[in-house]
C-alpha atoms as a PDB file:
ATOM      1  CA  MET A   1       0.088  -0.062  -0.010  1.00  0.00           C
ATOM      2  CA  PRO A   2       1.598   3.277  -0.960  1.00  0.00           C
ATOM      3  CA  SER A   3       2.586   5.702   1.841  1.00  0.00           C
ATOM      4  CA  GLU A   4       0.497   8.590   0.402  1.00  0.00           C
ATOM      5  CA  GLN A   5      -2.864   6.527   1.432  1.00  0.00           C
ATOM      6  CA  PHE A   6      -1.797   6.742   5.306  1.00  0.00           C
ATOM      7  CA  LEU A   7      -1.874  10.347   6.074  1.00  0.00           C
ATOM      8  CA  SER A   8      -1.936  13.661   4.352  1.00  0.00           C
ATOM      9  CA  LEU A   9      -0.742  16.867   5.484  1.00  0.00           C
ATOM     10  CA  GLU A  10      -2.814  20.222   4.967  1.00  0.00           C
ATOM     11  CA  ARG A  11      -1.870  23.783   6.193  1.00  0.00           C
ATOM     12  CA  GLN A  12      -4.804  25.852   7.554  1.00  0.00           C
ATOM     13  CA  ALA A  13      -4.945  28.921   9.613  1.00  0.00           C
ATOM     14  CA  GLY A  14      -1.285  28.727  10.610  1.00  0.00           C
ATOM     15  CA  GLN A  15      -1.624  25.113  11.957  1.00  0.00           C
ATOM     16  CA  LEU A  16      -0.946  21.949  10.537  1.00  0.00           C
ATOM     17  CA  VAL A  17      -3.722  19.507  10.036  1.00  0.00           C
ATOM     18  CA  ILE A  18      -2.729  15.688   9.441  1.00  0.00           C
ATOM     19  CA  ARG A  19      -5.528  13.673   8.172  1.00  0.00           C
ATOM     20  CA  VAL A  20      -5.136   9.842   9.141  1.00  0.00           C
ATOM     21  CA  PHE A  21      -7.066   7.501   6.791  1.00  0.00           C
ATOM     22  CA  GLY A  22      -6.535   3.767   5.283  1.00  0.00           C
ATOM     23  CA  ASP A  23      -5.528   0.517   7.163  1.00  0.00           C
ATOM     24  CA  TRP A  24      -3.438   1.042  10.026  1.00  0.00           C
ATOM     25  CA  VAL A  25      -2.763  -2.687  10.736  1.00  0.00           C
ATOM     26  CA  ILE A  26       0.319  -4.626  11.398  1.00  0.00           C
ATOM     27  CA  GLU A  27       0.492  -5.748   7.779  1.00  0.00           C
ATOM     28  CA  ASN A  28       1.344  -2.132   7.011  1.00  0.00           C
ATOM     29  CA  GLY A  29       3.697  -1.571  10.018  1.00  0.00           C
ATOM     30  CA  ALA A  30       6.924  -1.018   8.249  1.00  0.00           C
ATOM     31  CA  ALA A  31       5.224   1.466   5.587  1.00  0.00           C
ATOM     32  CA  LEU A  32       3.483   3.240   8.608  1.00  0.00           C
ATOM     33  CA  LYS A  33       6.820   3.598  10.415  1.00  0.00           C
ATOM     34  CA  GLU A  34       8.542   4.994   7.540  1.00  0.00           C
ATOM     35  CA  ARG A  35       6.012   7.447   6.775  1.00  0.00           C
ATOM     36  CA  LEU A  36       5.686   8.639  10.262  1.00  0.00           C
ATOM     37  CA  SER A  37       9.369   9.125  10.501  1.00  0.00           C
ATOM     38  CA  GLN A  38       8.821  11.920   7.896  1.00  0.00           C
ATOM     39  CA  VAL A  39       6.194  13.762   9.758  1.00  0.00           C
ATOM     40  CA  THR A  40       8.429  15.725  12.140  1.00  0.00           C
ATOM     41  CA  GLU A  41      10.389  17.282   9.442  1.00  0.00           C
ATOM     42  CA  GLU A  42       7.459  18.095   7.280  1.00  0.00           C
ATOM     43  CA  ALA A  43       5.633  19.711  10.297  1.00  0.00           C
ATOM     44  CA  LYS A  44       8.721  22.406  11.018  1.00  0.00           C
ATOM     45  CA  GLY A  45       7.332  25.914  11.190  1.00  0.00           C
ATOM     46  CA  PHE A  46       3.617  24.841  12.407  1.00  0.00           C
ATOM     47  CA  PRO A  47       3.795  25.227  16.536  1.00  0.00           C
ATOM     48  CA  PHE A  48       0.306  23.496  16.634  1.00  0.00           C
ATOM     49  CA  VAL A  49      -0.581  19.949  14.926  1.00  0.00           C
ATOM     50  CA  LEU A  50      -4.353  18.805  14.753  1.00  0.00           C
ATOM     51  CA  ILE A  51      -4.448  14.961  13.791  1.00  0.00           C
ATOM     52  CA  ARG A  52      -7.800  13.795  12.477  1.00  0.00           C
ATOM     53  CA  CYS A  53      -8.604  10.340  12.342  1.00  0.00           C
ATOM     54  CA  GLY A  54     -12.086  10.233  11.043  1.00  0.00           C
ATOM     55  CA  SER A  55     -11.113   8.448   7.770  1.00  0.00           C
ATOM     56  CA  LEU A  56      -9.470   5.393   9.302  1.00  0.00           C
ATOM     57  CA  GLU A  57     -10.933   2.347   7.857  1.00  0.00           C
ATOM     58  CA  GLN A  58      -8.984  -0.363   9.823  1.00  0.00           C
ATOM     59  CA  LEU A  59      -6.939  -0.126  13.011  1.00  0.00           C
ATOM     60  CA  ASP A  60      -5.293  -2.675  15.175  1.00  0.00           C
ATOM     61  CA  THR A  61      -2.986  -2.538  18.504  1.00  0.00           C
ATOM     62  CA  SER A  62       0.254  -2.296  16.125  1.00  0.00           C
ATOM     63  CA  GLY A  63      -1.516   0.584  14.091  1.00  0.00           C
ATOM     64  CA  ALA A  64      -2.418   2.650  17.522  1.00  0.00           C
ATOM     65  CA  TRP A  65       1.115   2.297  18.597  1.00  0.00           C
ATOM     66  CA  LEU A  66       2.707   3.461  15.959  1.00  0.00           C
ATOM     67  CA  LEU A  67       0.139   6.532  15.968  1.00  0.00           C
ATOM     68  CA  GLN A  68       0.805   7.122  19.244  1.00  0.00           C
ATOM     69  CA  ASP A  69       4.641   6.885  19.040  1.00  0.00           C
ATOM     70  CA  GLY A  70       4.429   9.472  16.079  1.00  0.00           C
ATOM     71  CA  VAL A  71       2.221  11.873  18.604  1.00  0.00           C
ATOM     72  CA  ARG A  72       5.174  11.262  21.197  1.00  0.00           C
ATOM     73  CA  ASN A  73       7.786  12.072  18.775  1.00  0.00           C
ATOM     74  CA  LEU A  74       6.007  15.417  17.651  1.00  0.00           C
ATOM     75  CA  GLU A  75       5.782  16.284  21.239  1.00  0.00           C
ATOM     76  CA  GLN A  76       9.299  15.522  22.158  1.00  0.00           C
ATOM     77  CA  ALA A  77      10.252  17.871  19.110  1.00  0.00           C
ATOM     78  CA  GLY A  78       8.315  20.663  20.485  1.00  0.00           C
ATOM     79  CA  PHE A  79       5.185  20.596  18.662  1.00  0.00           C
ATOM     80  CA  GLU A  80       1.662  20.955  20.574  1.00  0.00           C
ATOM     81  CA  VAL A  81      -0.682  17.928  19.178  1.00  0.00           C
ATOM     82  CA  GLU A  82      -4.187  16.900  19.485  1.00  0.00           C
ATOM     83  CA  VAL A  83      -5.540  13.710  18.192  1.00  0.00           C
ATOM     84  CA  THR A  84      -9.301  14.053  17.344  1.00  0.00           C
ATOM     85  CA  GLY A  85     -11.963  12.361  15.404  1.00  0.00           C
ATOM     86  CA  PHE A  86     -11.667   8.811  15.939  1.00  0.00           C
ATOM     87  CA  LYS A  87     -14.831   6.416  15.175  1.00  0.00           C
ATOM     88  CA  ALA A  88     -16.157   4.931  18.524  1.00  0.00           C
ATOM     89  CA  VAL A  89     -14.630   1.444  18.054  1.00  0.00           C
ATOM     90  CA  HIS A  90     -11.027   2.980  17.247  1.00  0.00           C
ATOM     91  CA  SER A  91     -11.244   5.495  19.933  1.00  0.00           C
ATOM     92  CA  ARG A  92     -11.651   2.502  22.677  1.00  0.00           C
ATOM     93  CA  LEU A  93      -8.768   0.753  21.242  1.00  0.00           C
ATOM     94  CA  PHE A  94      -6.606   3.808  20.892  1.00  0.00           C
ATOM     95  CA  ASP A  95      -7.501   5.110  24.501  1.00  0.00           C
ATOM     96  CA  LYS A  96      -6.507   1.426  25.544  1.00  0.00           C
ATOM     97  CA  VAL A  97      -3.270   1.399  24.030  1.00  0.00           C
ATOM     98  CA  VAL A  98      -2.313   4.945  25.315  1.00  0.00           C
ATOM     99  CA  ALA A  99      -3.419   3.969  28.763  1.00  0.00           C
ATOM    100  CA  ASP A 100      -0.887   0.864  28.884  1.00  0.00           C
ATOM    101  CA  LEU A 101       2.041   2.405  27.351  1.00  0.00           C
ATOM    102  CA  PRO A 102       4.788   3.171  29.761  1.00  0.00           C
ATOM    103  CA  ASP A 103       5.475   7.026  31.032  1.00  0.00           C
ATOM    104  CA  LEU A 104       8.514   8.531  29.369  1.00  0.00           C
ATOM    105  CA  VAL A 105      11.299   8.488  31.874  1.00  0.00           C
ATOM    106  CA  GLU A 106      14.081  10.974  31.289  1.00  0.00           C
ATOM    107  CA  SER A 107      17.563   9.279  31.665  1.00  0.00           C
ATOM    108  CA  PRO A 108      19.506  10.596  34.629  1.00  0.00           C
ATOM    109  CA  ARG A 109      22.323  12.830  33.550  1.00  0.00           C
ATOM    110  CA  PRO A 110      25.888  10.897  34.248  1.00  0.00           C
ATOM    111  CA  GLY A 111      27.752  12.539  37.308  1.00  0.00           C
ATOM    112  CA  ARG A 112      29.015  11.490  40.799  1.00  0.00           C
ATOM    113  CA  GLU A 113      26.567  10.149  43.358  1.00  0.00           C
ATOM    114  CA  THR A 114      25.726  12.422  45.969  1.00  0.00           C
ATOM    115  CA  LEU A 115      24.995  11.262  49.629  1.00  0.00           C
ATOM    116  CA  LEU A 116      21.311  11.926  48.761  1.00  0.00           C
ATOM    117  CA  ASP A 117      21.433   9.496  45.822  1.00  0.00           C
ATOM    118  CA  GLY A 118      22.526   6.995  48.463  1.00  0.00           C
ATOM    119  CA  ILE A 119      20.191   7.722  51.251  1.00  0.00           C
ATOM    120  CA  GLU A 120      17.336   7.514  48.335  1.00  0.00           C
ATOM    121  CA  LYS A 121      18.620   4.220  47.280  1.00  0.00           C
ATOM    122  CA  VAL A 122      18.488   2.813  50.755  1.00  0.00           C
ATOM    123  CA  GLY A 123      14.975   3.922  51.202  1.00  0.00           C
ATOM    124  CA  ALA A 124      13.872   2.449  48.147  1.00  0.00           C
ATOM    125  CA  TRP A 125      15.260  -0.894  48.912  1.00  0.00           C
ATOM    126  CA  THR A 126      13.836  -0.618  52.226  1.00  0.00           C
ATOM    127  CA  VAL A 127      10.498  -0.103  50.942  1.00  0.00           C
ATOM    128  CA  TYR A 128      10.956  -3.113  48.604  1.00  0.00           C
ATOM    129  CA  GLY A 129      11.991  -5.215  51.327  1.00  0.00           C
ATOM    130  CA  LEU A 130       9.208  -4.201  53.623  1.00  0.00           C
ATOM    131  CA  ARG A 131       6.476  -4.677  50.731  1.00  0.00           C
ATOM    132  CA  HIS A 132       7.850  -8.042  50.120  1.00  0.00           C
ATOM    133  CA  THR A 133       7.955  -9.239  53.851  1.00  0.00           C
ATOM    134  CA  GLY A 134       4.392  -8.051  54.076  1.00  0.00           C
ATOM    135  CA  LYS A 135       3.241  -9.979  51.200  1.00  0.00           C
ATOM    136  CA  ALA A 136       5.128 -13.100  52.482  1.00  0.00           C
ATOM    137  CA  THR A 137       3.589 -12.482  55.868  1.00  0.00           C
ATOM    138  CA  VAL A 138      -0.012 -12.127  54.501  1.00  0.00           C
ATOM    139  CA  PHE A 139       0.872 -15.346  52.439  1.00  0.00           C
ATOM    140  CA  LEU A 140       1.815 -17.251  55.558  1.00  0.00           C
ATOM    141  CA  LEU A 141      -1.161 -16.096  57.604  1.00  0.00           C
ATOM    142  CA  ARG A 142      -3.380 -17.079  55.001  1.00  0.00           C
ATOM    143  CA  LEU A 143      -2.091 -20.609  54.829  1.00  0.00           C
ATOM    144  CA  LEU A 144      -2.258 -20.931  58.708  1.00  0.00           C
ATOM    145  CA  ALA A 145      -5.816 -19.885  58.579  1.00  0.00           C
ATOM    146  CA  THR A 146      -6.681 -22.148  55.609  1.00  0.00           C
ATOM    147  CA  LEU A 147      -4.893 -25.214  57.525  1.00  0.00           C
ATOM    148  CA  VAL A 148      -6.592 -24.460  60.925  1.00  0.00           C
ATOM    149  CA  LEU A 149     -10.033 -24.663  58.828  1.00  0.00           C
ATOM    150  CA  CYS A 150      -9.349 -27.569  57.347  1.00  0.00           C
ATOM    151  CA  LEU A 151      -7.975 -29.212  60.728  1.00  0.00           C
ATOM    152  CA  VAL A 152     -11.410 -28.109  62.190  1.00  0.00           C
ATOM    153  CA  ILE A 153     -13.409 -29.550  59.387  1.00  0.00           C
ATOM    154  CA  PRO A 154     -11.427 -32.460  58.088  1.00  0.00           C
ATOM    155  CA  THR A 155     -13.857 -32.999  55.321  1.00  0.00           C
ATOM    156  CA  ARG A 156     -12.483 -29.938  53.601  1.00  0.00           C
ATOM    157  CA  LEU A 157      -8.834 -31.247  53.326  1.00  0.00           C
ATOM    158  CA  ARG A 158      -8.094 -32.895  50.260  1.00  0.00           C
ATOM    159  CA  PHE A 159      -6.103 -35.965  50.991  1.00  0.00           C
ATOM    160  CA  GLY A 160      -5.925 -37.130  47.398  1.00  0.00           C
ATOM    161  CA  ALA A 161      -4.324 -33.895  46.143  1.00  0.00           C
ATOM    162  CA  VAL A 162      -1.894 -33.930  48.930  1.00  0.00           C
ATOM    163  CA  VAL A 163      -0.998 -37.615  48.091  1.00  0.00           C
ATOM    164  CA  ALA A 164      -0.690 -36.677  44.446  1.00  0.00           C
ATOM    165  CA  ASN A 165       1.697 -33.810  45.271  1.00  0.00           C
ATOM    166  CA  MET A 166       3.708 -35.935  47.465  1.00  0.00           C
ATOM    167  CA  HIS A 167       4.440 -38.374  44.595  1.00  0.00           C
ATOM    168  CA  ARG A 168       5.284 -35.648  42.316  1.00  0.00           C
ATOM    169  CA  ALA A 169       7.548 -33.608  44.882  1.00  0.00           C
ATOM    170  CA  GLY A 170       8.895 -36.291  46.582  1.00  0.00           C
ATOM    171  CA  VAL A 171       8.939 -40.091  45.177  1.00  0.00           C
ATOM    172  CA  ASN A 172       9.861 -38.368  41.827  1.00  0.00           C
ATOM    173  CA  ALA A 173      12.729 -36.486  43.184  1.00  0.00           C
ATOM    174  CA  ILE A 174      14.495 -39.220  44.638  1.00  0.00           C
ATOM    175  CA  PRO A 175      16.735 -40.067  41.779  1.00  0.00           C
ATOM    176  CA  VAL A 176      17.894 -36.560  41.384  1.00  0.00           C
ATOM    177  CA  VAL A 177      18.510 -36.261  45.202  1.00  0.00           C
ATOM    178  CA  ALA A 178      20.213 -39.486  45.710  1.00  0.00           C
ATOM    179  CA  LEU A 179      22.529 -38.970  42.631  1.00  0.00           C
ATOM    180  CA  LEU A 180      23.648 -35.587  43.653  1.00  0.00           C
ATOM    181  CA  ALA A 181      24.233 -36.433  47.359  1.00  0.00           C
ATOM    182  CA  PHE A 182      26.466 -39.582  46.143  1.00  0.00           C
ATOM    183  CA  LEU A 183      28.384 -37.438  43.762  1.00  0.00           C
ATOM    184  CA  ILE A 184      28.955 -34.434  46.420  1.00  0.00           C
ATOM    185  CA  SER A 185      30.007 -37.255  49.048  1.00  0.00           C
ATOM    186  CA  ILE A 186      32.536 -38.663  46.533  1.00  0.00           C
ATOM    187  CA  VAL A 187      33.873 -34.845  45.995  1.00  0.00           C
ATOM    188  CA  LEU A 188      33.889 -33.902  49.547  1.00  0.00           C
ATOM    189  CA  ALA A 189      35.638 -37.306  50.552  1.00  0.00           C
ATOM    190  CA  TYR A 190      38.497 -37.009  48.015  1.00  0.00           C
ATOM    191  CA  GLN A 191      39.064 -33.425  48.669  1.00  0.00           C
ATOM    192  CA  GLY A 192      39.143 -34.132  52.489  1.00  0.00           C
ATOM    193  CA  ALA A 193      41.341 -37.110  52.223  1.00  0.00           C
ATOM    194  CA  THR A 194      43.906 -34.961  49.910  1.00  0.00           C
ATOM    195  CA  GLN A 195      44.065 -32.236  52.779  1.00  0.00           C
ATOM    196  CA  LEU A 196      44.011 -34.511  55.537  1.00  0.00           C
ATOM    197  CA  THR A 197      46.845 -36.758  54.207  1.00  0.00           C
ATOM    198  CA  ARG A 198      49.301 -33.873  54.949  1.00  0.00           C
ATOM    199  CA  PHE A 199      48.635 -34.092  58.739  1.00  0.00           C
ATOM    200  CA  GLY A 200      48.610 -38.158  58.607  1.00  0.00           C
ATOM    201  CA  ALA A 201      44.894 -38.008  59.757  1.00  0.00           C
ATOM    202  CA  GLU A 202      43.443 -39.544  56.497  1.00  0.00           C
ATOM    203  CA  ILE A 203      41.715 -41.993  58.655  1.00  0.00           C
ATOM    204  CA  PHE A 204      39.420 -39.453  59.716  1.00  0.00           C
ATOM    205  CA  THR A 205      38.026 -38.963  55.953  1.00  0.00           C
ATOM    206  CA  VAL A 206      34.937 -40.852  56.522  1.00  0.00           C
ATOM    207  CA  ASN A 207      34.157 -38.988  59.691  1.00  0.00           C
ATOM    208  CA  LEU A 208      34.530 -35.820  57.659  1.00  0.00           C
ATOM    209  CA  THR A 209      32.211 -36.944  54.987  1.00  0.00           C
ATOM    210  CA  VAL A 210      29.504 -38.282  57.237  1.00  0.00           C
ATOM    211  CA  VAL A 211      29.456 -35.535  59.519  1.00  0.00           C
ATOM    212  CA  SER A 212      29.419 -32.810  56.847  1.00  0.00           C
ATOM    213  CA  LEU A 213      26.730 -34.543  55.192  1.00  0.00           C
ATOM    214  CA  LEU A 214      24.479 -35.318  58.115  1.00  0.00           C
ATOM    215  CA  ARG A 215      24.671 -31.819  59.825  1.00  0.00           C
ATOM    216  CA  GLU A 216      24.977 -29.364  56.981  1.00  0.00           C
ATOM    217  CA  MET A 217      25.222 -30.537  53.011  1.00  0.00           C
ATOM    218  CA  GLY A 218      22.316 -33.122  53.102  1.00  0.00           C
ATOM    219  CA  VAL A 219      19.987 -30.624  54.198  1.00  0.00           C
ATOM    220  CA  LEU A 220      21.189 -27.977  52.203  1.00  0.00           C
ATOM    221  CA  LEU A 221      21.388 -29.731  49.012  1.00  0.00           C
ATOM    222  CA  THR A 222      17.797 -31.315  49.514  1.00  0.00           C
ATOM    223  CA  ALA A 223      16.317 -27.742  50.311  1.00  0.00           C
ATOM    224  CA  ILE A 224      17.795 -26.336  47.246  1.00  0.00           C
ATOM    225  CA  LEU A 225      16.768 -29.264  44.916  1.00  0.00           C
ATOM    226  CA  VAL A 226      13.360 -29.200  46.204  1.00  0.00           C
ATOM    227  CA  ALA A 227      13.127 -25.543  45.775  1.00  0.00           C
ATOM    228  CA  GLY A 228      14.534 -25.531  42.344  1.00  0.00           C
ATOM    229  CA  ARG A 229      12.644 -28.620  41.027  1.00  0.00           C
ATOM    230  CA  SER A 230       9.261 -28.703  43.032  1.00  0.00           C
ATOM    231  CA  GLY A 231       8.900 -25.023  43.924  1.00  0.00           C
ATOM    232  CA  SER A 232       9.502 -23.854  40.355  1.00  0.00           C
ATOM    233  CA  ALA A 233       7.185 -26.356  38.883  1.00  0.00           C
ATOM    234  CA  PHE A 234       4.449 -25.054  41.801  1.00  0.00           C
ATOM    235  CA  ALA A 235       4.832 -21.759  40.882  1.00  0.00           C
ATOM    236  CA  ALA A 236       4.636 -22.151  37.067  1.00  0.00           C
ATOM    237  CA  GLU A 237       1.618 -24.353  37.399  1.00  0.00           C
ATOM    238  CA  ILE A 238      -0.366 -21.913  39.443  1.00  0.00           C
ATOM    239  CA  GLY A 239       0.770 -18.849  37.669  1.00  0.00           C
ATOM    240  CA  SER A 240      -0.487 -20.469  34.259  1.00  0.00           C
ATOM    241  CA  MET A 241      -3.759 -21.034  36.148  1.00  0.00           C
ATOM    242  CA  LYS A 242      -3.666 -17.404  37.094  1.00  0.00           C
ATOM    243  CA  LEU A 243      -3.171 -16.253  33.596  1.00  0.00           C
ATOM    244  CA  HIS A 244      -5.841 -18.315  32.008  1.00  0.00           C
ATOM    245  CA  GLU A 245      -8.153 -17.377  34.814  1.00  0.00           C
ATOM    246  CA  GLU A 246      -8.724 -20.786  36.047  1.00  0.00           C
ATOM    247  CA  THR A 247      -8.477 -19.302  39.693  1.00  0.00           C
ATOM    248  CA  ASP A 248     -10.872 -16.933  39.089  1.00  0.00           C
ATOM    249  CA  ALA A 249     -13.278 -19.679  37.836  1.00  0.00           C
ATOM    250  CA  MET A 250     -12.716 -21.401  41.149  1.00  0.00           C
ATOM    251  CA  GLU A 251     -13.554 -18.590  43.379  1.00  0.00           C
ATOM    252  CA  THR A 252     -16.603 -18.036  41.293  1.00  0.00           C
ATOM    253  CA  MET A 253     -17.748 -21.816  41.806  1.00  0.00           C
ATOM    254  CA  GLY A 254     -17.201 -21.073  45.686  1.00  0.00           C
ATOM    255  CA  MET A 255     -13.842 -22.940  45.931  1.00  0.00           C
ATOM    256  CA  ASP A 256     -11.068 -21.288  47.808  1.00  0.00           C
ATOM    257  CA  PRO A 257      -7.803 -21.376  45.582  1.00  0.00           C
ATOM    258  CA  PHE A 258      -5.592 -21.561  48.717  1.00  0.00           C
ATOM    259  CA  GLU A 259      -7.479 -24.657  49.806  1.00  0.00           C
ATOM    260  CA  VAL A 260      -7.432 -26.342  46.764  1.00  0.00           C
ATOM    261  CA  LEU A 261      -4.009 -25.470  45.504  1.00  0.00           C
ATOM    262  CA  VAL A 262      -1.638 -24.125  48.086  1.00  0.00           C
ATOM    263  CA  LEU A 263      -2.377 -26.137  50.906  1.00  0.00           C
ATOM    264  CA  PRO A 264      -1.985 -29.714  49.422  1.00  0.00           C
ATOM    265  CA  ARG A 265       1.229 -28.658  48.019  1.00  0.00           C
ATOM    266  CA  VAL A 266       2.713 -27.206  51.181  1.00  0.00           C
ATOM    267  CA  MET A 267       1.681 -30.085  53.028  1.00  0.00           C
ATOM    268  CA  ALA A 268       3.125 -32.505  50.746  1.00  0.00           C
ATOM    269  CA  LEU A 269       6.417 -30.787  50.742  1.00  0.00           C
ATOM    270  CA  VAL A 270       6.427 -30.544  54.839  1.00  0.00           C
ATOM    271  CA  ILE A 271       6.070 -34.260  54.834  1.00  0.00           C
ATOM    272  CA  MET A 272       8.480 -35.468  51.773  1.00  0.00           C
ATOM    273  CA  VAL A 273      11.423 -32.829  52.470  1.00  0.00           C
ATOM    274  CA  PRO A 274      12.743 -34.476  55.651  1.00  0.00           C
ATOM    275  CA  LEU A 275      12.513 -37.802  54.178  1.00  0.00           C
ATOM    276  CA  LEU A 276      14.372 -36.585  51.117  1.00  0.00           C
ATOM    277  CA  THR A 277      16.844 -34.988  53.402  1.00  0.00           C
ATOM    278  CA  VAL A 278      17.200 -38.515  55.275  1.00  0.00           C
ATOM    279  CA  LEU A 279      17.913 -40.164  52.012  1.00  0.00           C
ATOM    280  CA  ALA A 280      20.633 -37.665  50.975  1.00  0.00           C
END
């Protein structure tokens, strides 16, 4: 589609009027972007620019974004811009795209960091930490409230979901936990024997390996593996359900997502992690 079919410029009473028409859709994105890049140069000498969009035939998200990007470029160049004349269906889409675009933030000028900048960073990190601590506390309290409710009314506890998650998070994790604990034990024993030989104490290599694994390494390795394997899988699964509004559907049907999704997984981990630690 020729670029002249996208917009035309008219000079009226000391202002520049840009008439937008044609199909502003993703298929014409390259031509639209090229045409918009020429508008700023063509608008020189006119402090006010009026964009009329009443002749638009088709408009999708890409076209609306390109149009708003062109408006931003004109405003950054010092022009006063007004967009008007949309059809009702196009106006709703354009307003939605404009509302979702992030605000322009000027890049800070390079320079030496002052004491005030450091205090500001400390404050920002403090607020960030307090906010996330609050969210974690609310999550924990809601989990405890749901657990108490299920203990008071045992019929609300989903034993089938607990057992299924025990199998997924515990039984299926046995091979990787056992393999990694075995390999770490070999490395620890080899390195310990190498160092203890210098002092004639290689007989204590077994003691070093066993005590290290029982008191620290076994627990730490199991926790890291469960968090990386099962924890990330749970987060991805529930996040996908949240994205597809399945959790909202549960609430609509009168089901508590914490009771159905969160509590069975937490209970399964509470039961299986100590067992996996003993195995490691």
